C-alpha atoms as a PDB file:
ATOM      1  CA  UNK A   1      30.034  23.619  41.411  1.00  0.00           C
ATOM      2  CA  UNK A   2      33.524  23.147  39.995  1.00  0.00           C
ATOM      3  CA  UNK A   3      34.545  20.862  37.152  1.00  0.00           C
ATOM      4  CA  UNK A   4      38.176  19.850  36.735  1.00  0.00           C
ATOM      5  CA  UNK A   5      39.472  18.373  33.476  1.00  0.00           C
ATOM      6  CA  UNK A   6      43.105  17.333  33.195  1.00  0.00           C
ATOM      7  CA  UNK A   7      45.110  15.761  30.375  1.00  0.00           C
ATOM      8  CA  UNK A   8      48.283  14.006  31.549  1.00  0.00           C
ATOM      9  CA  UNK A   9      50.784  12.649  29.048  1.00  0.00           C
ATOM     10  CA  UNK A  10      53.137  10.179  30.690  1.00  0.00           C
ATOM     11  CA  UNK A  11      56.271   8.490  29.405  1.00  0.00           C
ATOM     12  CA  UNK A  12      54.974   5.215  27.885  1.00  0.00           C
ATOM     13  CA  UNK A  13      57.461   3.290  30.042  1.00  0.00           C
ATOM     14  CA  UNK A  14      55.842   4.761  33.191  1.00  0.00           C
ATOM     15  CA  UNK A  15      52.125   4.684  32.335  1.00  0.00           C
ATOM     16  CA  UNK A  16      51.352   1.419  34.159  1.00  0.00           C
ATOM     17  CA  UNK A  17      53.071   2.649  37.338  1.00  0.00           C
ATOM     18  CA  UNK A  18      51.139   5.927  37.160  1.00  0.00           C
ATOM     19  CA  UNK A  19      47.837   4.107  36.700  1.00  0.00           C
ATOM     20  CA  UNK A  20      48.551   1.860  39.689  1.00  0.00           C
ATOM     21  CA  UNK A  21      49.383   4.873  41.876  1.00  0.00           C
ATOM     22  CA  UNK A  22      46.288   6.793  40.736  1.00  0.00           C
ATOM     23  CA  UNK A  23      43.975   3.813  41.201  1.00  0.00           C
ATOM     24  CA  UNK A  24      44.971   3.479  44.843  1.00  0.00           C
ATOM     25  CA  UNK A  25      43.244   6.751  45.816  1.00  0.00           C
ATOM     26  CA  UNK A  26      40.081   6.678  43.729  1.00  0.00           C
ATOM     27  CA  UNK A  27      37.740   5.113  46.319  1.00  0.00           C
ATOM     28  CA  UNK A  28      38.987   7.456  49.063  1.00  0.00           C
ATOM     29  CA  UNK A  29      38.481  10.467  46.811  1.00  0.00           C
ATOM     30  CA  UNK A  30      34.981   9.435  45.788  1.00  0.00           C
ATOM     31  CA  UNK A  31      34.073   9.127  49.486  1.00  0.00           C
ATOM     32  CA  UNK A  32      35.202  12.672  50.301  1.00  0.00           C
ATOM     33  CA  UNK A  33      32.588  15.272  51.250  1.00  0.00           C
ATOM     34  CA  UNK A  34      31.890  17.482  48.264  1.00  0.00           C
ATOM     35  CA  UNK A  35      33.115  15.000  45.636  1.00  0.00           C
ATOM     36  CA  UNK A  36      30.381  14.568  43.056  1.00  0.00           C
ATOM     37  CA  UNK A  37      32.449  12.798  40.392  1.00  0.00           C
ATOM     38  CA  UNK A  38      36.033  11.567  40.092  1.00  0.00           C
ATOM     39  CA  UNK A  39      37.327   9.442  37.232  1.00  0.00           C
ATOM     40  CA  UNK A  40      40.448   8.594  35.264  1.00  0.00           C
ATOM     41  CA  UNK A  41      40.301   7.342  31.691  1.00  0.00           C
ATOM     42  CA  UNK A  42      42.881   6.340  29.140  1.00  0.00           C
ATOM     43  CA  UNK A  43      42.919   8.036  25.750  1.00  0.00           C
ATOM     44  CA  UNK A  44      41.850   5.540  23.088  1.00  0.00           C
ATOM     45  CA  UNK A  45      44.302   6.860  20.493  1.00  0.00           C
ATOM     46  CA  UNK A  46      47.207   7.756  22.784  1.00  0.00           C
ATOM     47  CA  UNK A  47      47.555   5.021  25.428  1.00  0.00           C
ATOM     48  CA  UNK A  48      50.133   7.012  27.395  1.00  0.00           C
ATOM     49  CA  UNK A  49      47.612   9.845  27.942  1.00  0.00           C
ATOM     50  CA  UNK A  50      45.216   9.881  30.877  1.00  0.00           C
ATOM     51  CA  UNK A  51      42.200  12.138  31.261  1.00  0.00           C
ATOM     52  CA  UNK A  52      40.961  13.092  34.704  1.00  0.00           C
ATOM     53  CA  UNK A  53      37.444  14.407  35.195  1.00  0.00           C
ATOM     54  CA  UNK A  54      36.276  15.696  38.545  1.00  0.00           C
ATOM     55  CA  UNK A  55      33.225  17.499  39.854  1.00  0.00           C
ATOM     56  CA  UNK A  56      33.319  19.212  43.233  1.00  0.00           C
ATOM     57  CA  UNK A  57      30.620  20.897  45.263  1.00  0.00           C
ATOM     58  CA  UNK A  58      32.864  23.897  45.982  1.00  0.00           C
ATOM     59  CA  UNK A  59      36.364  25.339  45.825  1.00  0.00           C
ATOM     60  CA  UNK A  60      36.746  24.510  49.514  1.00  0.00           C
ATOM     61  CA  UNK A  61      35.976  20.828  48.841  1.00  0.00           C
ATOM     62  CA  UNK A  62      38.544  20.741  46.027  1.00  0.00           C
ATOM     63  CA  UNK A  63      41.211  22.412  48.168  1.00  0.00           C
ATOM     64  CA  UNK A  64      40.536  19.989  51.021  1.00  0.00           C
ATOM     65  CA  UNK A  65      40.896  17.094  48.559  1.00  0.00           C
ATOM     66  CA  UNK A  66      44.271  18.369  47.357  1.00  0.00           C
ATOM     67  CA  UNK A  67      45.580  18.210  50.948  1.00  0.00           C
ATOM     68  CA  UNK A  68      44.406  14.667  51.725  1.00  0.00           C
ATOM     69  CA  UNK A  69      46.884  11.900  52.523  1.00  0.00           C
ATOM     70  CA  UNK A  70      45.855   9.923  49.424  1.00  0.00           C
ATOM     71  CA  UNK A  71      46.614  12.857  47.101  1.00  0.00           C
ATOM     72  CA  UNK A  72      49.938  13.428  48.839  1.00  0.00           C
ATOM     73  CA  UNK A  73      50.697   9.701  48.423  1.00  0.00           C
ATOM     74  CA  UNK A  74      49.849   9.889  44.707  1.00  0.00           C
ATOM     75  CA  UNK A  75      52.227  12.824  44.293  1.00  0.00           C
ATOM     76  CA  UNK A  76      54.990  11.011  46.182  1.00  0.00           C
ATOM     77  CA  UNK A  77      54.456   7.727  44.319  1.00  0.00           C
ATOM     78  CA  UNK A  78      54.597   9.449  40.916  1.00  0.00           C
ATOM     79  CA  UNK A  79      57.351  11.993  41.651  1.00  0.00           C
ATOM     80  CA  UNK A  80      59.997   9.958  39.824  1.00  0.00           C
ATOM     81  CA  UNK A  81      57.815   9.137  36.813  1.00  0.00           C
ATOM     82  CA  UNK A  82      58.261  11.221  33.679  1.00  0.00           C
ATOM     83  CA  UNK A  83      55.254  13.426  33.018  1.00  0.00           C
ATOM     84  CA  UNK A  84      55.702  14.661  29.446  1.00  0.00           C
ATOM     85  CA  UNK A  85      52.965  17.273  29.730  1.00  0.00           C
ATOM     86  CA  UNK A  86      49.988  18.158  31.874  1.00  0.00           C
ATOM     87  CA  UNK A  87      47.138  20.534  31.162  1.00  0.00           C
ATOM     88  CA  UNK A  88      44.671  20.896  34.029  1.00  0.00           C
ATOM     89  CA  UNK A  89      41.744  23.274  34.069  1.00  0.00           C
ATOM     90  CA  UNK A  90      39.098  24.230  36.596  1.00  0.00           C
ATOM     91  CA  UNK A  91      35.696  25.456  35.448  1.00  0.00           C
ATOM     92  CA  UNK A  92      33.147  27.217  37.633  1.00  0.00           C
ATOM     93  CA  UNK A  93      29.707  26.042  36.609  1.00  0.00           C
ATOM     94  CA  UNK A  94      26.509  27.783  37.602  1.00  0.00           C
ATOM     95  CA  UNK A  95      24.340  25.454  35.540  1.00  0.00           C
ATOM     96  CA  UNK A  96      24.612  22.178  33.738  1.00  0.00           C
ATOM     97  CA  UNK A  97      22.347  19.916  31.727  1.00  0.00           C
ATOM     98  CA  UNK A  98      22.338  17.046  29.307  1.00  0.00           C
ATOM     99  CA  UNK A  99      23.733  17.138  25.783  1.00  0.00           C
ATOM    100  CA  UNK A 100      20.972  17.098  23.211  1.00  0.00           C
ATOM    101  CA  UNK A 101      21.854  15.422  19.952  1.00  0.00           C
ATOM    102  CA  UNK A 102      20.581  17.033  16.747  1.00  0.00           C
ATOM    103  CA  UNK A 103      17.566  15.351  15.188  1.00  0.00           C
END
């Protein structure tokens, strides 16, 4: 399994346009084979920062996703928007479990 976590800082004047473009492809992505989780969230303290969390069955499923028409549309629709910074990371996970809070 692969987990993808990305932090995207967008020019505050462009954040609403970016969110609209990203929202358009969420349902299609979630329906893809191998997609186990796909979500965008807005940072509570920095409203021009989005966090993306994804979980994919395999590297092949992730690579197929990156070539889909809806991802290509997202890239085209956001090409002219100012991305201040982006940090995206892929993690290979051989096990996962729940977080246990201390007693």
